[in-house]
Amino acid sequence: MLSFSILVVGSILTVSLSGFFFLIVARIVLAIGTGVFVVTAMSVAPKLAQPERQAGVIATVFAGFSLALVIGVPIGRVVAESYDWRVIFWGIGLLSLLAIFAVAKSIPATQAEVPVPLRDQLALLKKPNITFALGITFFVFISYSIVNTFMSPFLSTIMSLSDGEISVVFFALGIAISSLSIMVITWVSAISVVCASVLFINARSFSRSGNEEINNLS
């Protein structure tokens, strides 16, 4: 609920303040709210699901982000062209306010984890595999943000596409990202199930062979 509250405050600041500097400050507040929501969703969603469905739940969360690109960006462009760009942020603030009540009503309370000291968190960066994974995640989100920011002026200025055609491009891009994310998560889950099955069969075979060997010695 904290993340949605920050989004409400950021939306109000965006539509209320004037000037480029204050607009940037308001967008930073919105970015903080979005970051808090992403981290919270990724940590809370698996706890609310059964162990065998946790990968699917994470895929659903990522699909929601892709769905926002599929639906949100084209709708935002249409609203900004038909009315005013401030209407978009009023809508974000209203939806965030409704989300606060929805989360409070539907999401059960979960046990808080013991906070990890910052020194221990930074110590994990010494492990190459963790640093590599975090680096990939960082560059994925950076590239996604750059494409999402500069694609619209590129398509309109360089490619000379109309506003309707640009909305179609964003719609197709969102569908591709959503389908790919679900496909990858499903593929990884399937591989995990196969590996677990192979390990279980090998363990059973080893146990049975050991029992037969013991019986022969007896």
N, C-alpha and C. Protein backbone atom coordinates (compact mmCIF):
# COMPACT_ATOMS: atom_id res chain seq x y z
N MET A 1 0.82 -1.21 0.00
CA MET A 1 0.00 0.00 0.00
C MET A 1 0.86 1.26 0.00
N LEU A 2 2.08 1.13 0.55
CA LEU A 2 2.98 2.28 0.55
C LEU A 2 3.30 2.72 -0.88
N SER A 3 3.53 1.75 -1.76
CA SER A 3 3.88 2.10 -3.14
C SER A 3 2.74 2.84 -3.83
N PHE A 4 1.50 2.38 -3.62
CA PHE A 4 0.36 3.05 -4.24
C PHE A 4 0.14 4.44 -3.64
N SER A 5 0.43 4.59 -2.35
CA SER A 5 0.32 5.91 -1.73
C SER A 5 1.33 6.87 -2.35
N ILE A 6 2.55 6.38 -2.60
CA ILE A 6 3.56 7.22 -3.25
C ILE A 6 3.12 7.58 -4.67
N LEU A 7 2.49 6.64 -5.37
CA LEU A 7 2.00 6.93 -6.72
C LEU A 7 0.91 7.99 -6.69
N VAL A 8 0.04 7.94 -5.69
CA VAL A 8 -1.01 8.96 -5.56
C VAL A 8 -0.38 10.33 -5.36
N VAL A 9 0.60 10.41 -4.44
CA VAL A 9 1.27 11.69 -4.18
C VAL A 9 2.01 12.17 -5.42
N GLY A 10 2.71 11.27 -6.10
CA GLY A 10 3.43 11.66 -7.31
C GLY A 10 2.52 12.14 -8.42
N SER A 11 1.36 11.52 -8.56
CA SER A 11 0.41 11.94 -9.59
C SER A 11 -0.15 13.32 -9.28
N ILE A 12 -0.46 13.57 -8.01
CA ILE A 12 -0.97 14.89 -7.62
C ILE A 12 0.08 15.97 -7.85
N LEU A 13 1.33 15.67 -7.50
CA LEU A 13 2.41 16.63 -7.73
C LEU A 13 2.60 16.90 -9.22
N THR A 14 2.47 15.87 -10.04
CA THR A 14 2.68 16.03 -11.48
C THR A 14 1.67 16.98 -12.10
N VAL A 15 0.41 16.85 -11.71
CA VAL A 15 -0.63 17.69 -12.31
C VAL A 15 -0.75 19.04 -11.63
N SER A 16 -0.18 19.19 -10.44
CA SER A 16 -0.35 20.43 -9.69
C SER A 16 0.80 21.40 -9.88
N LEU A 17 2.02 20.89 -9.93
CA LEU A 17 3.19 21.76 -10.01
C LEU A 17 3.46 22.18 -11.45
N SER A 18 4.03 23.34 -11.60
CA SER A 18 4.38 23.85 -12.93
C SER A 18 5.89 24.06 -12.99
N GLY A 19 6.43 23.96 -14.17
CA GLY A 19 7.87 24.11 -14.34
C GLY A 19 8.54 22.77 -14.56
N PHE A 20 9.57 22.79 -15.39
CA PHE A 20 10.25 21.55 -15.76
C PHE A 20 10.91 20.88 -14.56
N PHE A 21 11.54 21.68 -13.69
CA PHE A 21 12.24 21.11 -12.53
C PHE A 21 11.27 20.36 -11.62
N PHE A 22 10.14 20.99 -11.30
CA PHE A 22 9.18 20.34 -10.41
C PHE A 22 8.53 19.13 -11.08
N LEU A 23 8.40 19.19 -12.40
CA LEU A 23 7.86 18.03 -13.11
C LEU A 23 8.82 16.84 -13.00
N ILE A 24 10.11 17.10 -13.11
CA ILE A 24 11.11 16.04 -12.96
C ILE A 24 11.07 15.47 -11.54
N VAL A 25 10.93 16.35 -10.54
CA VAL A 25 10.85 15.88 -9.15
C VAL A 25 9.62 14.99 -8.97
N ALA A 26 8.50 15.40 -9.54
CA ALA A 26 7.28 14.60 -9.42
C ALA A 26 7.44 13.25 -10.11
N ARG A 27 8.11 13.23 -11.24
CA ARG A 27 8.33 11.96 -11.94
C ARG A 27 9.27 11.05 -11.15
N ILE A 28 10.23 11.65 -10.43
CA ILE A 28 11.10 10.85 -9.57
C ILE A 28 10.29 10.20 -8.46
N VAL A 29 9.34 10.94 -7.90
CA VAL A 29 8.46 10.37 -6.87
C VAL A 29 7.66 9.20 -7.45
N LEU A 30 7.15 9.37 -8.66
CA LEU A 30 6.43 8.27 -9.31
C LEU A 30 7.34 7.07 -9.55
N ALA A 31 8.59 7.33 -9.93
CA ALA A 31 9.53 6.23 -10.16
C ALA A 31 9.82 5.48 -8.86
N ILE A 32 9.93 6.21 -7.75
CA ILE A 32 10.16 5.56 -6.46
C ILE A 32 8.97 4.67 -6.10
N GLY A 33 7.76 5.19 -6.31
CA GLY A 33 6.56 4.39 -6.04
C GLY A 33 6.51 3.13 -6.89
N THR A 34 6.87 3.27 -8.16
CA THR A 34 6.88 2.10 -9.04
C THR A 34 7.93 1.08 -8.60
N GLY A 35 9.12 1.57 -8.22
CA GLY A 35 10.16 0.66 -7.76
C GLY A 35 9.77 -0.10 -6.51
N VAL A 36 9.14 0.60 -5.57
CA VAL A 36 8.68 -0.06 -4.34
C VAL A 36 7.63 -1.12 -4.68
N PHE A 37 6.75 -0.81 -5.62
CA PHE A 37 5.71 -1.77 -6.00
C PHE A 37 6.32 -3.02 -6.64
N VAL A 38 7.29 -2.83 -7.53
CA VAL A 38 7.90 -3.98 -8.21
C VAL A 38 8.58 -4.91 -7.19
N VAL A 39 9.36 -4.32 -6.29
CA VAL A 39 10.06 -5.13 -5.28
C VAL A 39 9.07 -5.85 -4.38
N THR A 40 8.03 -5.13 -3.95
CA THR A 40 7.04 -5.73 -3.06
C THR A 40 6.27 -6.84 -3.75
N ALA A 41 5.88 -6.60 -5.00
CA ALA A 41 5.12 -7.62 -5.74
C ALA A 41 5.94 -8.88 -5.94
N MET A 42 7.23 -8.73 -6.27
CA MET A 42 8.08 -9.89 -6.50
C MET A 42 8.36 -10.68 -5.23
N SER A 43 8.30 -10.03 -4.07
CA SER A 43 8.57 -10.74 -2.82
C SER A 43 7.31 -11.29 -2.18
N VAL A 44 6.17 -10.61 -2.35
CA VAL A 44 4.94 -11.03 -1.68
C VAL A 44 4.18 -12.06 -2.51
N ALA A 45 4.14 -11.88 -3.83
CA ALA A 45 3.35 -12.77 -4.68
C ALA A 45 3.71 -14.25 -4.52
N PRO A 46 5.00 -14.63 -4.52
CA PRO A 46 5.32 -16.06 -4.33
C PRO A 46 4.88 -16.60 -2.97
N LYS A 47 4.87 -15.75 -1.94
CA LYS A 47 4.46 -16.21 -0.61
C LYS A 47 2.98 -16.56 -0.54
N LEU A 48 2.19 -15.96 -1.43
CA LEU A 48 0.75 -16.20 -1.42
C LEU A 48 0.36 -17.41 -2.25
N ALA A 49 1.32 -18.03 -2.92
CA ALA A 49 1.03 -19.17 -3.80
C ALA A 49 1.66 -20.44 -3.24
N GLN A 50 1.17 -21.57 -3.73
CA GLN A 50 1.76 -22.85 -3.38
C GLN A 50 3.16 -22.97 -4.00
N PRO A 51 4.05 -23.77 -3.40
CA PRO A 51 5.42 -23.86 -3.91
C PRO A 51 5.50 -24.23 -5.39
N GLU A 52 4.60 -25.12 -5.85
CA GLU A 52 4.66 -25.54 -7.25
C GLU A 52 4.12 -24.48 -8.21
N ARG A 53 3.49 -23.45 -7.68
CA ARG A 53 2.92 -22.40 -8.54
C ARG A 53 3.65 -21.07 -8.42
N GLN A 54 4.74 -21.03 -7.70
CA GLN A 54 5.42 -19.76 -7.48
C GLN A 54 6.00 -19.20 -8.77
N ALA A 55 6.56 -20.07 -9.62
CA ALA A 55 7.10 -19.58 -10.90
C ALA A 55 6.00 -19.00 -11.77
N GLY A 56 4.82 -19.64 -11.78
CA GLY A 56 3.70 -19.12 -12.56
C GLY A 56 3.20 -17.79 -12.03
N VAL A 57 3.25 -17.61 -10.70
CA VAL A 57 2.82 -16.34 -10.11
C VAL A 57 3.76 -15.22 -10.52
N ILE A 58 5.06 -15.49 -10.50
CA ILE A 58 6.03 -14.47 -10.93
C ILE A 58 5.82 -14.14 -12.41
N ALA A 59 5.52 -15.16 -13.22
CA ALA A 59 5.24 -14.91 -14.64
C ALA A 59 4.00 -14.04 -14.81
N THR A 60 3.01 -14.25 -13.94
CA THR A 60 1.79 -13.43 -14.00
C THR A 60 2.09 -11.98 -13.68
N VAL A 61 2.96 -11.76 -12.69
CA VAL A 61 3.34 -10.39 -12.34
C VAL A 61 4.04 -9.71 -13.51
N PHE A 62 4.98 -10.41 -14.14
CA PHE A 62 5.67 -9.85 -15.30
C PHE A 62 4.70 -9.64 -16.46
N ALA A 63 3.73 -10.55 -16.61
CA ALA A 63 2.73 -10.38 -17.66
C ALA A 63 1.90 -9.13 -17.42
N GLY A 64 1.67 -8.81 -16.14
CA GLY A 64 0.95 -7.57 -15.83
C GLY A 64 1.72 -6.34 -16.26
N PHE A 65 3.04 -6.36 -16.07
CA PHE A 65 3.85 -5.24 -16.55
C PHE A 65 3.77 -5.12 -18.07
N SER A 66 3.83 -6.25 -18.75
CA SER A 66 3.73 -6.23 -20.21
C SER A 66 2.35 -5.78 -20.66
N LEU A 67 1.32 -6.19 -19.91
CA LEU A 67 -0.04 -5.78 -20.24
C LEU A 67 -0.19 -4.27 -20.10
N ALA A 68 0.52 -3.69 -19.13
CA ALA A 68 0.49 -2.24 -18.99
C ALA A 68 1.06 -1.56 -20.23
N LEU A 69 2.09 -2.19 -20.82
CA LEU A 69 2.65 -1.65 -22.06
C LEU A 69 1.69 -1.84 -23.22
N VAL A 70 1.01 -3.01 -23.24
CA VAL A 70 0.09 -3.30 -24.34
C VAL A 70 -1.09 -2.34 -24.32
N ILE A 71 -1.68 -2.15 -23.14
CA ILE A 71 -2.92 -1.37 -23.04
C ILE A 71 -2.65 0.07 -22.61
N GLY A 72 -1.77 0.23 -21.61
CA GLY A 72 -1.58 1.55 -21.02
C GLY A 72 -1.00 2.58 -21.96
N VAL A 73 0.05 2.20 -22.69
CA VAL A 73 0.71 3.18 -23.57
C VAL A 73 -0.21 3.65 -24.70
N PRO A 74 -0.88 2.75 -25.44
CA PRO A 74 -1.80 3.25 -26.47
C PRO A 74 -2.94 4.09 -25.91
N ILE A 75 -3.50 3.67 -24.76
CA ILE A 75 -4.57 4.45 -24.15
C ILE A 75 -4.05 5.82 -23.72
N GLY A 76 -2.83 5.84 -23.16
CA GLY A 76 -2.25 7.11 -22.74
C GLY A 76 -2.06 8.06 -23.91
N ARG A 77 -1.63 7.54 -25.04
CA ARG A 77 -1.45 8.39 -26.22
C ARG A 77 -2.78 8.94 -26.71
N VAL A 78 -3.80 8.09 -26.73
CA VAL A 78 -5.11 8.54 -27.19
C VAL A 78 -5.67 9.61 -26.26
N VAL A 79 -5.55 9.39 -24.95
CA VAL A 79 -6.07 10.36 -23.98
C VAL A 79 -5.32 11.68 -24.08
N ALA A 80 -3.99 11.62 -24.21
CA ALA A 80 -3.20 12.84 -24.30
C ALA A 80 -3.53 13.64 -25.55
N GLU A 81 -3.81 12.96 -26.64
CA GLU A 81 -4.13 13.65 -27.89
C GLU A 81 -5.56 14.18 -27.89
N SER A 82 -6.47 13.47 -27.22
CA SER A 82 -7.88 13.86 -27.25
C SER A 82 -8.21 14.89 -26.18
N TYR A 83 -7.56 14.80 -25.02
CA TYR A 83 -7.89 15.70 -23.91
C TYR A 83 -6.63 16.47 -23.49
N ASP A 84 -5.98 15.99 -22.45
CA ASP A 84 -4.80 16.66 -21.93
C ASP A 84 -3.94 15.62 -21.23
N TRP A 85 -2.62 15.80 -21.24
CA TRP A 85 -1.74 14.80 -20.64
C TRP A 85 -1.95 14.69 -19.13
N ARG A 86 -2.47 15.75 -18.50
CA ARG A 86 -2.70 15.69 -17.05
C ARG A 86 -3.80 14.70 -16.70
N VAL A 87 -4.71 14.46 -17.64
CA VAL A 87 -5.78 13.49 -17.39
C VAL A 87 -5.19 12.10 -17.12
N ILE A 88 -4.09 11.79 -17.78
CA ILE A 88 -3.44 10.48 -17.57
C ILE A 88 -3.02 10.31 -16.12
N PHE A 89 -2.41 11.35 -15.56
CA PHE A 89 -1.90 11.24 -14.19
C PHE A 89 -3.03 11.31 -13.17
N TRP A 90 -4.10 12.03 -13.49
CA TRP A 90 -5.28 11.95 -12.63
C TRP A 90 -5.81 10.52 -12.60
N GLY A 91 -5.81 9.87 -13.76
CA GLY A 91 -6.26 8.48 -13.82
C GLY A 91 -5.35 7.55 -13.04
N ILE A 92 -4.02 7.77 -13.15
CA ILE A 92 -3.08 6.94 -12.39
C ILE A 92 -3.30 7.11 -10.89
N GLY A 93 -3.49 8.36 -10.47
CA GLY A 93 -3.73 8.61 -9.05
C GLY A 93 -5.01 7.96 -8.56
N LEU A 94 -6.07 8.03 -9.37
CA LEU A 94 -7.35 7.43 -8.99
C LEU A 94 -7.24 5.91 -8.92
N LEU A 95 -6.61 5.31 -9.91
CA LEU A 95 -6.43 3.85 -9.91
C LEU A 95 -5.56 3.40 -8.74
N SER A 96 -4.54 4.19 -8.41
CA SER A 96 -3.68 3.85 -7.27
C SER A 96 -4.46 3.93 -5.97
N LEU A 97 -5.34 4.93 -5.87
CA LEU A 97 -6.17 5.06 -4.67
C LEU A 97 -7.12 3.87 -4.53
N LEU A 98 -7.71 3.45 -5.64
CA LEU A 98 -8.58 2.27 -5.61
C LEU A 98 -7.78 1.01 -5.28
N ALA A 99 -6.53 0.95 -5.77
CA ALA A 99 -5.69 -0.21 -5.50
C ALA A 99 -5.36 -0.33 -4.02
N ILE A 100 -5.24 0.80 -3.33
CA ILE A 100 -4.96 0.76 -1.89
C ILE A 100 -6.07 0.02 -1.15
N PHE A 101 -7.32 0.36 -1.47
CA PHE A 101 -8.46 -0.30 -0.82
C PHE A 101 -8.55 -1.76 -1.25
N ALA A 102 -8.24 -2.04 -2.53
CA ALA A 102 -8.31 -3.42 -3.01
C ALA A 102 -7.28 -4.30 -2.33
N VAL A 103 -6.06 -3.79 -2.17
CA VAL A 103 -5.00 -4.56 -1.51
C VAL A 103 -5.33 -4.77 -0.04
N ALA A 104 -5.82 -3.72 0.62
CA ALA A 104 -6.17 -3.85 2.04
C ALA A 104 -7.30 -4.84 2.25
N LYS A 105 -8.15 -4.98 1.27
CA LYS A 105 -9.32 -5.85 1.41
C LYS A 105 -9.02 -7.29 1.01
N SER A 106 -8.15 -7.50 0.03
CA SER A 106 -8.00 -8.84 -0.55
C SER A 106 -6.68 -9.53 -0.23
N ILE A 107 -5.61 -8.79 0.01
CA ILE A 107 -4.31 -9.41 0.26
C ILE A 107 -4.14 -9.66 1.75
N PRO A 108 -3.95 -10.90 2.17
CA PRO A 108 -3.76 -11.17 3.60
C PRO A 108 -2.41 -10.67 4.09
N ALA A 109 -2.35 -10.43 5.38
CA ALA A 109 -1.10 -9.97 5.97
C ALA A 109 -0.08 -11.11 5.98
N THR A 110 1.15 -10.79 5.65
CA THR A 110 2.22 -11.79 5.65
C THR A 110 3.25 -11.43 6.72
N GLN A 111 3.93 -12.45 7.19
CA GLN A 111 4.93 -12.24 8.23
C GLN A 111 6.14 -11.52 7.65
N ALA A 112 6.51 -10.44 8.30
CA ALA A 112 7.64 -9.66 7.82
C ALA A 112 8.94 -10.42 8.01
N GLU A 113 9.82 -10.32 7.03
CA GLU A 113 11.11 -10.97 7.12
C GLU A 113 12.07 -10.14 7.96
N VAL A 114 13.04 -10.80 8.53
CA VAL A 114 14.06 -10.10 9.32
C VAL A 114 14.90 -9.25 8.37
N PRO A 115 14.99 -7.94 8.62
CA PRO A 115 15.75 -7.08 7.71
C PRO A 115 17.22 -7.47 7.67
N VAL A 116 17.76 -7.47 6.47
CA VAL A 116 19.17 -7.81 6.26
C VAL A 116 19.99 -6.53 6.27
N PRO A 117 21.04 -6.45 7.06
CA PRO A 117 21.87 -5.24 7.08
C PRO A 117 22.42 -4.91 5.70
N LEU A 118 22.59 -3.62 5.46
CA LEU A 118 23.07 -3.17 4.15
C LEU A 118 24.45 -3.74 3.85
N ARG A 119 25.29 -3.87 4.87
CA ARG A 119 26.63 -4.41 4.65
C ARG A 119 26.57 -5.84 4.12
N ASP A 120 25.64 -6.63 4.67
CA ASP A 120 25.50 -8.02 4.21
C ASP A 120 24.96 -8.07 2.78
N GLN A 121 24.06 -7.13 2.45
CA GLN A 121 23.53 -7.10 1.09
C GLN A 121 24.63 -6.74 0.09
N LEU A 122 25.44 -5.74 0.43
CA LEU A 122 26.51 -5.34 -0.49
C LEU A 122 27.58 -6.43 -0.60
N ALA A 123 27.72 -7.24 0.46
CA ALA A 123 28.72 -8.31 0.41
C ALA A 123 28.38 -9.35 -0.65
N LEU A 124 27.09 -9.46 -0.99
CA LEU A 124 26.69 -10.42 -2.02
C LEU A 124 27.24 -10.05 -3.39
N LEU A 125 27.58 -8.77 -3.58
CA LEU A 125 28.12 -8.35 -4.87
C LEU A 125 29.50 -8.94 -5.14
N LYS A 126 30.12 -9.50 -4.13
CA LYS A 126 31.41 -10.15 -4.33
C LYS A 126 31.28 -11.48 -5.05
N LYS A 127 30.06 -12.02 -5.08
CA LYS A 127 29.83 -13.29 -5.76
C LYS A 127 29.57 -13.02 -7.24
N PRO A 128 30.36 -13.59 -8.15
CA PRO A 128 30.23 -13.28 -9.58
C PRO A 128 28.86 -13.60 -10.16
N ASN A 129 28.25 -14.72 -9.72
CA ASN A 129 26.96 -15.09 -10.31
C ASN A 129 25.87 -14.09 -9.94
N ILE A 130 25.91 -13.59 -8.71
CA ILE A 130 24.91 -12.60 -8.29
C ILE A 130 25.15 -11.27 -9.01
N THR A 131 26.40 -10.86 -9.10
CA THR A 131 26.72 -9.62 -9.81
C THR A 131 26.31 -9.71 -11.28
N PHE A 132 26.54 -10.86 -11.89
CA PHE A 132 26.17 -11.06 -13.29
C PHE A 132 24.65 -10.97 -13.47
N ALA A 133 23.89 -11.62 -12.57
CA ALA A 133 22.43 -11.59 -12.67
C ALA A 133 21.89 -10.19 -12.46
N LEU A 134 22.43 -9.48 -11.46
CA LEU A 134 21.98 -8.10 -11.22
C LEU A 134 22.35 -7.19 -12.39
N GLY A 135 23.51 -7.42 -12.99
CA GLY A 135 23.91 -6.61 -14.14
C GLY A 135 22.98 -6.81 -15.32
N ILE A 136 22.60 -8.05 -15.57
CA ILE A 136 21.67 -8.33 -16.66
C ILE A 136 20.33 -7.65 -16.40
N THR A 137 19.84 -7.77 -15.16
CA THR A 137 18.57 -7.14 -14.81
C THR A 137 18.64 -5.63 -14.99
N PHE A 138 19.75 -5.03 -14.56
CA PHE A 138 19.92 -3.59 -14.68
C PHE A 138 19.87 -3.14 -16.14
N PHE A 139 20.63 -3.81 -16.99
CA PHE A 139 20.68 -3.40 -18.40
C PHE A 139 19.38 -3.71 -19.13
N VAL A 140 18.67 -4.76 -18.71
CA VAL A 140 17.37 -5.06 -19.32
C VAL A 140 16.39 -3.92 -19.07
N PHE A 141 16.31 -3.48 -17.81
CA PHE A 141 15.37 -2.41 -17.48
C PHE A 141 15.81 -1.08 -18.08
N ILE A 142 17.13 -0.83 -18.12
CA ILE A 142 17.62 0.40 -18.74
C ILE A 142 17.27 0.43 -20.22
N SER A 143 17.53 -0.68 -20.92
CA SER A 143 17.22 -0.74 -22.35
C SER A 143 15.73 -0.62 -22.60
N TYR A 144 14.92 -1.27 -21.73
CA TYR A 144 13.47 -1.17 -21.87
C TYR A 144 13.01 0.28 -21.71
N SER A 145 13.57 0.98 -20.72
CA SER A 145 13.17 2.37 -20.48
C SER A 145 13.60 3.27 -21.63
N ILE A 146 14.79 3.04 -22.17
CA ILE A 146 15.26 3.86 -23.29
C ILE A 146 14.39 3.65 -24.52
N VAL A 147 14.09 2.39 -24.82
CA VAL A 147 13.23 2.10 -25.98
C VAL A 147 11.85 2.72 -25.79
N ASN A 148 11.29 2.57 -24.59
CA ASN A 148 9.96 3.09 -24.33
C ASN A 148 9.92 4.61 -24.40
N THR A 149 11.04 5.27 -24.04
CA THR A 149 11.08 6.73 -24.02
C THR A 149 11.27 7.33 -25.41
N PHE A 150 12.19 6.76 -26.18
CA PHE A 150 12.57 7.38 -27.44
C PHE A 150 11.92 6.74 -28.67
N MET A 151 11.17 5.67 -28.49
CA MET A 151 10.55 5.04 -29.65
C MET A 151 9.50 5.94 -30.28
N SER A 152 8.70 6.58 -29.45
CA SER A 152 7.62 7.41 -29.99
C SER A 152 8.14 8.56 -30.85
N PRO A 153 9.08 9.40 -30.35
CA PRO A 153 9.61 10.46 -31.24
C PRO A 153 10.36 9.92 -32.44
N PHE A 154 11.01 8.75 -32.30
CA PHE A 154 11.71 8.15 -33.44
C PHE A 154 10.73 7.75 -34.52
N LEU A 155 9.63 7.10 -34.12
CA LEU A 155 8.66 6.65 -35.10
C LEU A 155 7.94 7.82 -35.77
N SER A 156 7.69 8.88 -35.01
CA SER A 156 6.97 10.02 -35.58
C SER A 156 7.88 10.91 -36.43
N THR A 157 9.14 11.09 -36.02
CA THR A 157 10.04 12.01 -36.72
C THR A 157 10.80 11.32 -37.85
N ILE A 158 11.40 10.18 -37.56
CA ILE A 158 12.24 9.50 -38.55
C ILE A 158 11.40 8.64 -39.49
N MET A 159 10.48 7.85 -38.92
CA MET A 159 9.67 6.94 -39.72
C MET A 159 8.41 7.60 -40.28
N SER A 160 8.08 8.80 -39.78
CA SER A 160 6.91 9.56 -40.25
C SER A 160 5.61 8.77 -40.09
N LEU A 161 5.48 8.08 -38.97
CA LEU A 161 4.25 7.34 -38.69
C LEU A 161 3.23 8.24 -38.01
N SER A 162 1.98 7.96 -38.25
CA SER A 162 0.91 8.72 -37.61
C SER A 162 0.75 8.26 -36.16
N ASP A 163 -0.05 9.01 -35.40
CA ASP A 163 -0.27 8.65 -34.00
C ASP A 163 -0.95 7.29 -33.87
N GLY A 164 -1.88 7.02 -34.77
CA GLY A 164 -2.55 5.73 -34.73
C GLY A 164 -1.61 4.58 -35.02
N GLU A 165 -0.71 4.78 -35.98
CA GLU A 165 0.26 3.74 -36.32
C GLU A 165 1.26 3.51 -35.18
N ILE A 166 1.63 4.58 -34.49
CA ILE A 166 2.54 4.45 -33.34
C ILE A 166 1.87 3.64 -32.23
N SER A 167 0.59 3.88 -32.00
CA SER A 167 -0.14 3.11 -30.99
C SER A 167 -0.17 1.63 -31.35
N VAL A 168 -0.32 1.33 -32.65
CA VAL A 168 -0.31 -0.07 -33.10
C VAL A 168 1.05 -0.70 -32.85
N VAL A 169 2.13 0.05 -33.09
CA VAL A 169 3.49 -0.46 -32.85
C VAL A 169 3.68 -0.79 -31.37
N PHE A 170 3.26 0.11 -30.49
CA PHE A 170 3.37 -0.15 -29.06
C PHE A 170 2.52 -1.35 -28.65
N PHE A 171 1.36 -1.47 -29.26
CA PHE A 171 0.48 -2.60 -28.96
C PHE A 171 1.15 -3.92 -29.34
N ALA A 172 1.74 -3.95 -30.54
CA ALA A 172 2.42 -5.17 -31.00
C ALA A 172 3.65 -5.47 -30.14
N LEU A 173 4.38 -4.44 -29.75
CA LEU A 173 5.56 -4.63 -28.90
C LEU A 173 5.16 -5.20 -27.55
N GLY A 174 4.09 -4.70 -26.98
CA GLY A 174 3.64 -5.21 -25.69
C GLY A 174 3.21 -6.66 -25.76
N ILE A 175 2.52 -7.03 -26.83
CA ILE A 175 2.11 -8.43 -27.00
C ILE A 175 3.33 -9.33 -27.12
N ALA A 176 4.34 -8.88 -27.88
CA ALA A 176 5.55 -9.69 -28.05
C ALA A 176 6.28 -9.88 -26.73
N ILE A 177 6.41 -8.81 -25.95
CA ILE A 177 7.12 -8.90 -24.67
C ILE A 177 6.35 -9.79 -23.70
N SER A 178 5.03 -9.63 -23.66
CA SER A 178 4.20 -10.44 -22.75
C SER A 178 4.29 -11.91 -23.10
N SER A 179 4.18 -12.23 -24.39
CA SER A 179 4.25 -13.63 -24.82
C SER A 179 5.62 -14.23 -24.54
N LEU A 180 6.67 -13.45 -24.77
CA LEU A 180 8.02 -13.96 -24.56
C LEU A 180 8.30 -14.21 -23.09
N SER A 181 7.83 -13.30 -22.21
CA SER A 181 8.08 -13.49 -20.78
C SER A 181 7.38 -14.72 -20.25
N ILE A 182 6.13 -14.94 -20.66
CA ILE A 182 5.40 -16.13 -20.22
C ILE A 182 6.06 -17.39 -20.78
N MET A 183 6.52 -17.33 -22.03
CA MET A 183 7.16 -18.48 -22.66
C MET A 183 8.45 -18.86 -21.92
N VAL A 184 9.25 -17.86 -21.57
CA VAL A 184 10.52 -18.13 -20.89
C VAL A 184 10.29 -18.72 -19.51
N ILE A 185 9.35 -18.12 -18.74
CA ILE A 185 9.08 -18.62 -17.39
C ILE A 185 8.54 -20.04 -17.45
N THR A 186 7.64 -20.31 -18.41
CA THR A 186 7.09 -21.66 -18.55
C THR A 186 8.18 -22.65 -18.93
N TRP A 187 9.08 -22.24 -19.82
CA TRP A 187 10.18 -23.11 -20.25
C TRP A 187 11.11 -23.43 -19.08
N VAL A 188 11.43 -22.42 -18.28
CA VAL A 188 12.30 -22.64 -17.12
C VAL A 188 11.62 -23.56 -16.11
N SER A 189 10.31 -23.36 -15.89
CA SER A 189 9.58 -24.21 -14.95
C SER A 189 9.57 -25.65 -15.43
N ALA A 190 9.37 -25.85 -16.74
CA ALA A 190 9.35 -27.22 -17.28
C ALA A 190 10.70 -27.89 -17.11
N ILE A 191 11.77 -27.17 -17.36
CA ILE A 191 13.11 -27.74 -17.18
C ILE A 191 13.34 -28.10 -15.71
N SER A 192 12.86 -27.25 -14.79
CA SER A 192 13.03 -27.54 -13.37
C SER A 192 12.30 -28.82 -12.98
N VAL A 193 11.09 -29.00 -13.51
CA VAL A 193 10.33 -30.21 -13.21
C VAL A 193 11.04 -31.45 -13.75
N VAL A 194 11.56 -31.36 -14.98
CA VAL A 194 12.27 -32.50 -15.58
C VAL A 194 13.52 -32.84 -14.77
N CYS A 195 14.28 -31.83 -14.39
CA CYS A 195 15.50 -32.08 -13.61
C CYS A 195 15.17 -32.71 -12.26
N ALA A 196 14.11 -32.19 -11.61
CA ALA A 196 13.71 -32.76 -10.32
C ALA A 196 13.27 -34.21 -10.48
N SER A 197 12.57 -34.51 -11.57
CA SER A 197 12.12 -35.88 -11.80
C SER A 197 13.30 -36.82 -12.03
N VAL A 198 14.28 -36.36 -12.81
CA VAL A 198 15.47 -37.18 -13.07
C VAL A 198 16.24 -37.44 -11.78
N LEU A 199 16.39 -36.40 -10.96
CA LEU A 199 17.09 -36.58 -9.69
C LEU A 199 16.34 -37.55 -8.78
N PHE A 200 15.02 -37.45 -8.77
CA PHE A 200 14.22 -38.34 -7.93
C PHE A 200 14.37 -39.79 -8.39
N ILE A 201 14.32 -40.01 -9.71
CA ILE A 201 14.46 -41.38 -10.25
C ILE A 201 15.84 -41.94 -9.93
N ASN A 202 16.87 -41.10 -10.09
CA ASN A 202 18.22 -41.57 -9.78
C ASN A 202 18.37 -41.90 -8.30
N ALA A 203 17.76 -41.06 -7.45
CA ALA A 203 17.84 -41.31 -6.01
C ALA A 203 17.14 -42.61 -5.65
N ARG A 204 15.98 -42.85 -6.27
CA ARG A 204 15.25 -44.09 -6.00
C ARG A 204 16.04 -45.30 -6.48
N SER A 205 16.65 -45.18 -7.66
CA SER A 205 17.44 -46.29 -8.19
C SER A 205 18.65 -46.58 -7.31
N PHE A 206 19.30 -45.52 -6.85
CA PHE A 206 20.46 -45.69 -5.98
C PHE A 206 20.06 -46.33 -4.67
N SER A 207 18.92 -45.88 -4.12
CA SER A 207 18.45 -46.45 -2.85
C SER A 207 18.10 -47.93 -3.02
N ARG A 208 17.45 -48.27 -4.13
CA ARG A 208 17.07 -49.66 -4.36
C ARG A 208 18.30 -50.53 -4.56
N SER A 209 19.28 -50.03 -5.30
CA SER A 209 20.51 -50.79 -5.51
C SER A 209 21.25 -51.02 -4.20
N GLY A 210 21.25 -49.98 -3.35
CA GLY A 210 21.90 -50.12 -2.05
C GLY A 210 21.22 -51.15 -1.18
N ASN A 211 19.89 -51.16 -1.20
CA ASN A 211 19.16 -52.15 -0.40
C ASN A 211 19.42 -53.56 -0.89
N GLU A 212 19.46 -53.74 -2.23
CA GLU A 212 19.73 -55.07 -2.77
C GLU A 212 21.14 -55.53 -2.41
N GLU A 213 22.10 -54.60 -2.42
CA GLU A 213 23.47 -54.95 -2.07
C GLU A 213 23.57 -55.37 -0.61
N ILE A 214 22.85 -54.66 0.24
CA ILE A 214 22.85 -55.01 1.66
C ILE A 214 22.23 -56.38 1.88
N ASN A 215 21.13 -56.65 1.16
CA ASN A 215 20.47 -57.95 1.29
C ASN A 215 21.39 -59.08 0.82
N ASN A 216 22.15 -58.84 -0.25
CA ASN A 216 23.06 -59.87 -0.74
C ASN A 216 24.18 -60.16 0.26
N LEU A 217 24.66 -59.10 0.90
CA LEU A 217 25.70 -59.28 1.90
C LEU A 217 25.18 -60.02 3.13
N SER A 218 23.90 -59.78 3.43
CA SER A 218 23.31 -60.46 4.59
C SER A 218 23.14 -61.95 4.30
